[in-house]
Protein backbone atom coordinates (compact mmCIF):
# COMPACT_ATOMS: atom_id res chain seq x y z
CA MET A 1 57.93 -66.28 84.59
CA SER A 2 57.41 -63.26 81.95
CA ARG A 3 55.82 -64.43 79.02
CA ILE A 4 57.10 -62.53 75.70
CA VAL A 5 55.44 -62.99 72.54
CA VAL A 6 57.39 -62.17 69.24
CA LEU A 7 55.11 -61.39 66.22
CA GLY A 8 56.95 -62.54 63.03
CA CYS A 9 59.40 -65.36 62.54
CA GLY A 10 61.35 -63.76 59.72
CA PRO A 11 65.12 -62.95 59.46
CA VAL A 12 65.27 -60.99 62.56
CA GLY A 13 62.15 -62.39 64.59
CA LYS A 14 63.42 -65.80 65.05
CA HIS A 15 66.88 -64.60 66.29
CA MET A 16 65.21 -62.55 68.69
CA ALA A 17 63.32 -65.33 69.82
CA ILE A 18 66.32 -67.43 69.96
CA ASP A 19 68.10 -65.13 72.20
CA LEU A 20 65.38 -64.29 74.40
CA CYS A 21 64.48 -67.93 75.43
CA LYS A 22 67.96 -68.30 77.07
CA ASP A 23 66.58 -66.53 79.81
CA PRO A 24 65.17 -69.09 82.45
CA ASP A 25 62.80 -66.34 83.60
CA CYS A 26 61.12 -65.79 80.36
CA GLU A 27 58.94 -67.88 78.50
CA VAL A 28 58.87 -66.91 74.38
CA VAL A 29 56.34 -67.52 72.17
CA SER A 30 57.15 -66.93 68.24
CA VAL A 31 54.04 -66.51 66.19
CA ASP A 32 53.73 -66.45 62.28
CA ILE A 33 51.54 -67.59 59.75
CA ASN A 34 54.29 -69.93 58.23
CA GLN A 35 54.09 -73.17 60.23
CA GLU A 36 57.29 -74.66 58.64
CA VAL A 37 59.43 -71.91 59.82
CA LEU A 38 58.06 -72.26 63.53
CA GLU A 39 58.90 -75.98 63.36
CA HIS A 40 62.11 -75.55 62.13
CA LEU A 41 62.72 -72.93 65.11
CA THR A 42 61.60 -75.59 67.61
CA LYS A 43 63.88 -78.19 66.80
CA GLU A 44 66.83 -76.52 68.42
CA HIS A 45 65.51 -73.98 70.53
CA SER A 46 63.13 -73.76 73.78
CA VAL A 47 60.75 -71.80 72.00
CA LEU A 48 56.89 -72.27 72.02
CA THR A 49 55.21 -71.51 68.85
CA ARG A 50 51.65 -70.27 67.42
CA VAL A 51 50.29 -70.12 63.93
CA GLU A 52 48.31 -66.89 63.52
CA ASP A 53 47.47 -64.64 60.58
CA LEU A 54 49.38 -61.47 61.69
CA SER A 55 47.50 -59.69 58.78
CA THR A 56 44.47 -59.77 60.69
CA ALA A 57 43.35 -57.78 64.07
CA ALA A 58 41.84 -60.87 65.05
CA GLY A 59 45.04 -63.03 64.58
CA VAL A 60 47.20 -60.43 66.35
CA THR A 61 44.57 -59.93 69.30
CA ARG A 62 44.69 -63.80 69.85
CA ALA A 63 48.45 -63.94 69.50
CA VAL A 64 49.01 -61.45 72.28
CA ALA A 65 46.09 -62.26 74.81
CA ASP A 66 48.57 -63.68 77.69
CA ALA A 67 51.54 -61.61 76.87
CA ASP A 68 53.37 -59.48 79.27
CA ILE A 69 55.21 -57.89 76.49
CA VAL A 70 55.22 -58.09 72.84
CA ILE A 71 57.59 -57.73 70.19
CA GLY A 72 56.70 -56.51 66.67
CA SER A 73 58.73 -57.87 63.72
CA VAL A 74 56.37 -58.09 60.77
CA PRO A 75 56.81 -57.03 57.19
CA GLY A 76 56.28 -53.14 56.79
CA PRO A 77 52.87 -53.26 55.00
CA LEU A 78 51.30 -54.97 58.20
CA GLY A 79 53.34 -52.91 60.91
CA TYR A 80 50.79 -50.00 61.66
CA ALA A 81 47.64 -52.10 61.81
CA MET A 82 49.61 -54.91 64.06
CA LEU A 83 50.76 -52.23 66.22
CA GLU A 84 46.91 -50.80 66.54
CA ALA A 85 46.00 -54.28 67.35
CA VAL A 86 48.39 -54.82 70.24
CA ILE A 87 47.54 -51.51 71.91
CA ARG A 88 44.13 -51.95 71.76
CA ALA A 89 44.77 -55.36 73.61
CA GLY A 90 46.56 -53.08 76.09
CA LYS A 91 49.81 -54.90 75.73
CA ASN A 92 53.24 -53.04 75.88
CA ILE A 93 55.11 -53.49 72.69
CA VAL A 94 58.56 -53.00 71.18
CA ASP A 95 58.71 -52.80 67.44
CA ILE A 96 60.98 -53.17 64.42
CA SER A 97 58.47 -53.23 61.59
CA TYR A 98 59.30 -50.06 60.08
CA PHE A 99 55.92 -49.32 58.45
CA LEU A 100 55.30 -45.97 56.29
CA GLU A 101 52.66 -44.64 58.42
CA ASP A 102 53.28 -42.13 61.36
CA PRO A 103 53.22 -44.24 64.72
CA PHE A 104 52.34 -41.19 66.62
CA GLY A 105 48.88 -41.52 65.12
CA LEU A 106 48.56 -43.93 67.59
CA ASP A 107 49.57 -41.94 70.56
CA ASP A 108 46.32 -40.91 71.98
CA LEU A 109 45.15 -44.53 71.89
CA ALA A 110 48.19 -46.01 73.41
CA LYS A 111 47.77 -43.21 76.45
CA GLU A 112 44.29 -44.07 76.71
CA LYS A 113 45.22 -47.89 77.19
CA GLY A 114 47.96 -47.05 79.28
CA VAL A 115 50.48 -48.95 76.98
CA THR A 116 54.14 -48.13 76.50
CA ALA A 117 54.66 -48.49 72.79
CA VAL A 118 58.62 -48.31 71.48
CA VAL A 119 58.71 -48.22 67.78
CA ASP A 120 61.53 -48.22 65.48
CA CYS A 121 63.96 -49.85 67.80
CA GLY A 122 66.40 -51.76 65.34
CA VAL A 123 70.29 -50.55 64.73
CA VAL A 124 69.37 -47.36 62.44
CA PRO A 125 67.00 -46.28 63.56
CA GLY A 126 67.13 -47.62 66.99
CA MET A 127 70.80 -47.95 68.71
CA SER A 128 71.81 -44.75 67.10
CA ASN A 129 68.67 -42.78 68.23
CA ILE A 130 69.09 -44.41 71.80
CA ILE A 131 72.81 -42.99 71.98
CA LEU A 132 71.46 -39.67 70.64
CA GLY A 133 69.03 -39.23 73.09
CA ASP A 134 71.46 -40.10 75.92
CA HIS A 135 73.79 -37.34 74.65
CA MET A 136 70.82 -34.81 74.25
CA ARG A 137 70.25 -34.85 78.19
CA LYS A 138 73.83 -34.30 78.74
CA MET A 139 74.95 -31.47 76.21
CA LYS A 140 73.43 -29.35 73.52
CA VAL A 141 73.60 -31.38 70.36
CA THR A 142 73.90 -29.26 67.25
CA GLY A 143 74.82 -31.88 64.68
CA TYR A 144 73.89 -35.44 63.98
CA GLU A 145 75.52 -37.61 61.05
CA CYS A 146 74.64 -41.46 60.83
CA PHE A 147 76.24 -43.72 58.19
CA VAL A 148 74.86 -47.27 58.24
CA GLY A 149 74.58 -50.24 55.84
CA GLY A 150 74.38 -54.00 56.04
CA PHE A 151 75.91 -55.81 53.12
CA PRO A 152 77.69 -59.13 52.37
CA LYS A 153 81.31 -59.40 53.66
CA SER A 154 82.47 -60.52 50.40
CA ARG A 155 82.54 -57.77 47.56
CA ASN A 156 82.07 -60.67 44.94
CA ALA A 157 78.52 -60.86 45.45
CA PRO A 158 76.26 -60.37 42.42
CA LEU A 159 76.28 -56.57 41.51
CA GLY A 160 77.94 -56.17 45.24
CA TYR A 161 75.13 -56.66 47.49
CA LYS A 162 72.87 -59.31 49.01
CA THR A 163 69.84 -59.03 51.64
CA ASP A 164 67.63 -61.03 53.73
CA PHE A 165 64.94 -58.35 53.05
CA PRO A 166 62.51 -57.67 49.98
CA VAL A 167 64.61 -56.66 47.42
CA LEU A 168 61.41 -54.92 46.06
CA GLU A 169 61.70 -52.39 49.09
CA VAL A 170 65.42 -51.89 48.54
CA PHE A 171 64.70 -50.81 45.13
CA GLU A 172 61.80 -48.49 46.12
CA GLU A 173 64.23 -46.87 48.58
CA TYR A 174 66.81 -46.31 45.61
CA SER A 175 64.27 -44.55 43.63
CA ALA A 176 62.90 -42.54 46.28
CA PRO A 177 64.03 -39.52 48.14
CA GLY A 178 65.67 -39.29 51.68
CA ARG A 179 64.72 -36.51 53.99
CA ASN A 180 67.58 -34.41 55.87
CA ILE A 181 67.25 -31.65 58.10
CA GLU A 182 69.59 -28.85 57.27
CA ASP A 183 69.51 -25.17 59.03
CA GLY A 184 66.34 -26.65 60.56
CA LYS A 185 64.49 -27.18 57.61
CA VAL A 186 63.46 -30.67 55.90
CA VAL A 187 65.24 -31.04 52.69
CA GLU A 188 64.60 -34.06 50.24
CA LYS A 189 67.31 -35.46 48.16
CA LEU A 190 67.00 -38.49 45.78
CA ALA A 191 68.67 -41.50 46.99
CA LEU A 192 71.20 -41.81 44.19
CA SER A 193 71.74 -38.25 43.57
CA GLU A 194 74.83 -37.81 45.10
CA THR A 195 78.40 -39.36 45.07
CA MET A 196 79.57 -38.89 48.65
CA THR A 197 82.08 -41.65 50.02
CA ILE A 198 83.40 -42.15 53.41
CA ASP A 199 86.49 -44.41 54.49
CA LEU A 200 85.78 -46.58 57.53
CA PRO A 201 87.85 -49.06 59.51
CA LYS A 202 87.97 -52.72 58.35
CA VAL A 203 85.75 -51.90 55.21
CA GLY A 204 87.62 -49.18 53.36
CA THR A 205 85.78 -46.60 50.93
CA MET A 206 82.17 -46.81 51.03
CA ALA A 207 79.71 -44.81 49.03
CA CYS A 208 76.93 -43.12 50.67
CA LEU A 209 73.01 -43.05 49.72
CA ASN A 210 70.68 -40.56 50.74
CA SER A 211 67.93 -42.22 52.75
CA ASP A 212 65.03 -41.92 54.92
CA GLY A 213 66.59 -43.32 58.21
CA LEU A 214 66.08 -40.15 60.42
CA ARG A 215 62.42 -41.12 60.53
CA THR A 216 61.07 -40.09 64.26
CA LEU A 217 63.81 -37.73 64.93
CA ILE A 218 62.25 -35.48 62.13
CA HIS A 219 59.18 -35.29 64.44
CA THR A 220 60.81 -35.35 67.90
CA SER A 221 64.24 -33.49 67.40
CA ALA A 222 64.29 -31.17 64.39
CA SER A 223 63.50 -28.48 66.62
CA GLU A 224 66.49 -28.84 68.94
CA ILE A 225 69.06 -30.21 66.42
CA PRO A 226 69.39 -28.00 63.27
CA ASN A 227 71.55 -30.37 61.09
CA MET A 228 70.73 -34.01 60.90
CA PHE A 229 71.10 -36.40 58.30
CA GLU A 230 71.29 -40.30 57.87
CA LYS A 231 73.07 -42.17 54.87
CA THR A 232 72.98 -45.86 53.70
CA LEU A 233 76.29 -47.36 53.07
CA ARG A 234 77.00 -49.50 50.22
CA TYR A 235 80.10 -50.84 48.17
CA PRO A 236 80.94 -47.86 45.69
CA GLU A 237 80.71 -50.61 42.69
CA HIS A 238 77.15 -51.67 43.64
CA VAL A 239 75.92 -47.96 43.79
CA ASP A 240 77.55 -47.18 40.20
CA GLN A 241 75.60 -50.28 39.07
CA MET A 242 72.41 -49.08 40.61
CA ARG A 243 72.71 -45.64 38.96
CA ILE A 244 72.96 -47.18 35.56
CA PHE A 245 69.68 -49.43 36.43
CA ASN A 246 67.85 -46.29 37.55
CA ASP A 247 68.82 -44.38 34.67
CA ALA A 248 67.73 -47.21 32.36
CA GLY A 249 64.38 -47.31 33.97
CA PHE A 250 64.42 -50.71 35.82
CA PHE A 251 63.18 -49.13 39.07
CA SER A 252 60.36 -47.67 37.30
CA GLN A 253 57.03 -47.85 38.98
CA THR A 254 54.95 -47.02 35.86
CA PRO A 255 53.66 -50.05 33.98
CA ILE A 256 54.85 -51.00 30.68
CA GLN A 257 53.50 -53.29 28.04
CA VAL A 258 55.10 -56.26 27.49
CA ASN A 259 53.55 -58.83 24.81
CA GLY A 260 50.15 -57.73 25.68
CA ALA A 261 50.60 -57.63 29.53
CA SER A 262 51.12 -54.59 31.82
CA VAL A 263 54.24 -54.88 34.09
CA ARG A 264 55.95 -52.50 36.33
CA PRO A 265 59.82 -52.47 35.67
CA ILE A 266 60.65 -52.47 39.18
CA ASP A 267 58.77 -55.76 39.75
CA VAL A 268 60.60 -57.43 37.05
CA THR A 269 63.87 -56.23 38.20
CA ALA A 270 63.05 -57.61 41.78
CA SER A 271 61.88 -60.83 40.47
CA ILE A 272 65.22 -61.61 38.73
CA LEU A 273 67.49 -60.24 41.46
CA THR A 274 65.52 -61.65 44.63
CA PRO A 275 67.21 -65.19 44.07
CA LEU A 276 70.60 -63.84 43.38
CA TRP A 277 70.63 -61.65 46.44
CA LYS A 278 69.59 -64.29 48.96
CA TYR A 279 71.93 -65.16 51.47
CA GLU A 280 73.56 -68.80 51.44
CA PRO A 281 73.52 -70.80 54.85
CA GLY A 282 76.53 -69.55 56.53
CA GLU A 283 77.32 -66.81 54.14
CA ALA A 284 78.84 -63.93 56.04
CA ASP A 285 77.33 -60.46 56.11
CA LEU A 286 78.41 -57.01 57.78
CA THR A 287 76.68 -54.46 59.29
CA VAL A 288 78.75 -50.88 59.43
CA MET A 289 77.84 -47.74 61.38
CA ARG A 290 79.48 -44.41 61.80
CA LEU A 291 77.57 -42.12 64.30
CA ILE A 292 79.04 -38.35 64.69
CA ILE A 293 77.24 -36.14 67.40
CA SER A 294 78.57 -32.35 67.79
CA GLY A 295 77.70 -29.70 69.79
CA LEU A 296 78.51 -28.15 73.19
CA GLU A 297 79.40 -29.62 76.57
CA ASP A 298 79.83 -27.52 79.43
CA GLY A 299 80.11 -24.51 77.19
CA LYS A 300 82.67 -26.03 74.91
CA PRO A 301 82.70 -27.45 71.25
CA VAL A 302 83.00 -31.03 71.31
CA THR A 303 82.37 -34.27 68.95
CA TYR A 304 81.65 -38.04 69.77
CA THR A 305 82.29 -40.45 66.85
CA TYR A 306 80.96 -44.07 67.00
CA ASP A 307 82.00 -46.81 65.13
CA MET A 308 80.56 -50.16 64.82
CA CYS A 309 81.54 -53.06 62.44
CA ASP A 310 79.65 -56.53 63.30
CA GLU A 311 79.81 -59.61 61.33
CA TYR A 312 78.09 -62.97 60.93
CA ASP A 313 78.37 -65.19 64.18
CA LEU A 314 79.78 -68.28 62.72
CA ALA A 315 79.09 -69.93 66.24
CA THR A 316 75.54 -69.60 66.62
CA GLY A 317 74.78 -69.01 62.77
CA THR A 318 73.46 -65.60 63.48
CA PRO A 319 73.65 -62.92 60.62
CA SER A 320 75.09 -59.63 61.52
CA MET A 321 71.65 -57.67 60.59
CA ALA A 322 69.68 -59.94 63.19
CA ARG A 323 72.47 -59.49 65.72
CA THR A 324 72.73 -55.57 65.40
CA THR A 325 68.94 -55.08 64.95
CA GLY A 326 67.38 -57.94 66.64
CA TYR A 327 69.51 -57.64 69.79
CA THR A 328 68.84 -54.07 70.20
CA CYS A 329 65.10 -54.54 70.11
CA ALA A 330 65.49 -57.56 72.63
CA ALA A 331 67.63 -55.37 75.06
CA VAL A 332 64.90 -52.57 74.82
CA THR A 333 62.23 -55.23 75.36
CA ARG A 334 64.05 -56.20 78.55
CA VAL A 335 64.38 -52.45 79.78
CA VAL A 336 60.66 -52.07 79.40
CA LEU A 337 59.76 -55.75 81.03
CA ASP A 338 62.13 -54.74 84.03
CA GLY A 339 60.68 -51.28 84.43
CA GLY A 340 63.62 -49.38 83.50
CA TYR A 341 61.62 -47.46 80.73
CA SER A 342 57.85 -47.09 81.39
CA GLN A 343 56.74 -43.85 79.27
CA ILE A 344 53.02 -44.24 78.18
CA GLY A 345 52.39 -43.83 74.84
CA ILE A 346 54.17 -43.98 71.53
CA SER A 347 58.09 -43.61 72.27
CA ALA A 348 60.74 -43.14 69.73
CA PRO A 349 63.89 -44.91 70.70
CA GLU A 350 65.46 -41.23 71.36
CA PHE A 351 62.88 -41.05 74.35
CA VAL A 352 64.55 -44.38 75.84
CA GLY A 353 68.06 -43.04 75.56
CA ARG A 354 66.99 -39.99 77.45
CA VAL A 355 66.34 -41.96 80.81
CA ASP A 356 69.01 -42.62 83.00
CA GLY A 357 70.58 -45.86 83.04
CA CYS A 358 68.55 -47.16 79.87
CA ARG A 359 71.61 -46.55 77.43
CA GLU A 360 73.97 -48.26 79.93
CA SER A 361 71.46 -51.35 80.04
CA ILE A 362 71.19 -51.68 76.36
CA LYS A 363 74.83 -51.45 75.80
CA LYS A 364 75.71 -53.95 78.29
CA TYR A 365 73.27 -56.42 76.78
CA LEU A 366 74.74 -55.77 73.10
CA GLU A 367 78.29 -56.00 74.41
CA ASP A 368 77.40 -59.43 76.41
CA ARG A 369 76.51 -60.83 72.82
CA GLY A 370 79.63 -59.29 71.04
CA VAL A 371 78.10 -56.31 69.56
CA HIS A 372 80.44 -53.40 70.30
CA CYS A 373 80.24 -49.44 69.43
CA LYS A 374 83.84 -47.91 69.88
CA MET A 375 83.62 -44.02 71.03
CA GLN A 376 86.05 -41.25 70.46
CA ARG A 377 85.81 -37.48 71.63
CA SER A 378 87.20 -34.88 70.40
């Protein structure tokens, strides 16, 4: 029996543990500092639990000591140190912590320890990169366009948005630049600086924000693919309102004085909206992705377009963001555990897609759970 240790029992981590524990050949351990969330998890699911402080190397090391493979699902600020501790423990890991540091800074250590470490393995980046990697081994890719977003199914949510992730991080993204690749060069554009829209099945017209979702692709594929971008999808009315907030200074990270206290406007804004943007139990969310991969195949121009529209699973109570992000990570975990992917060192998800059979296994895993990505070739 394989022992899978899931570090973090948050909005995505707990649903990965629930999914993986259904396999009778797997023993799943969920680790978190919050004993209450762990106790809630074990009431209905056959998941083992362990309380550890994952912000410390000692806590991570203890948590993974008897793991056959590890899943990282901790808050971004803890991610890099957590990954380093897992690698130093000599354990293979698939991670969705999305930290800001460069994961390839741990490549030499992972190779020294003989560890397979797949990072950024959610939906985007993650699923999209795996699809791209598969195409890169079959054709000459010259263009990659990715549109993705997670948002409430109802457009009547406060200011047109809700999220299970920290609101402060959302605002930090809105006020920061995104990186694209244009004619082989990195180009930065502020998130709210453009007004591009796109029409998509089931959701209609969506606004597109510049975002930094290319991540590892800038490091691994910019020399091969001259044009790449990733844009975040939101309801147009939400983007219009966020531009007003941004222009008015609500996202400023420069402290101001209020009644003698020094505060950052972005912290105040996040504190006000956090309770308003929290999903209610059973409230439906959507995850939407369009992926356009173009280039030459057998010497002829070709374009592949992928569309995914996934929503909250009422039967299991699983949010779409947890399904699309978590199930992709769980699928890659199974592929690594079963020996389908075994490259030593730090691996971006596009590396996984380049290995024969990996994308097919991951696609089947997702489709078995109702996550479908429709493809058209032109």
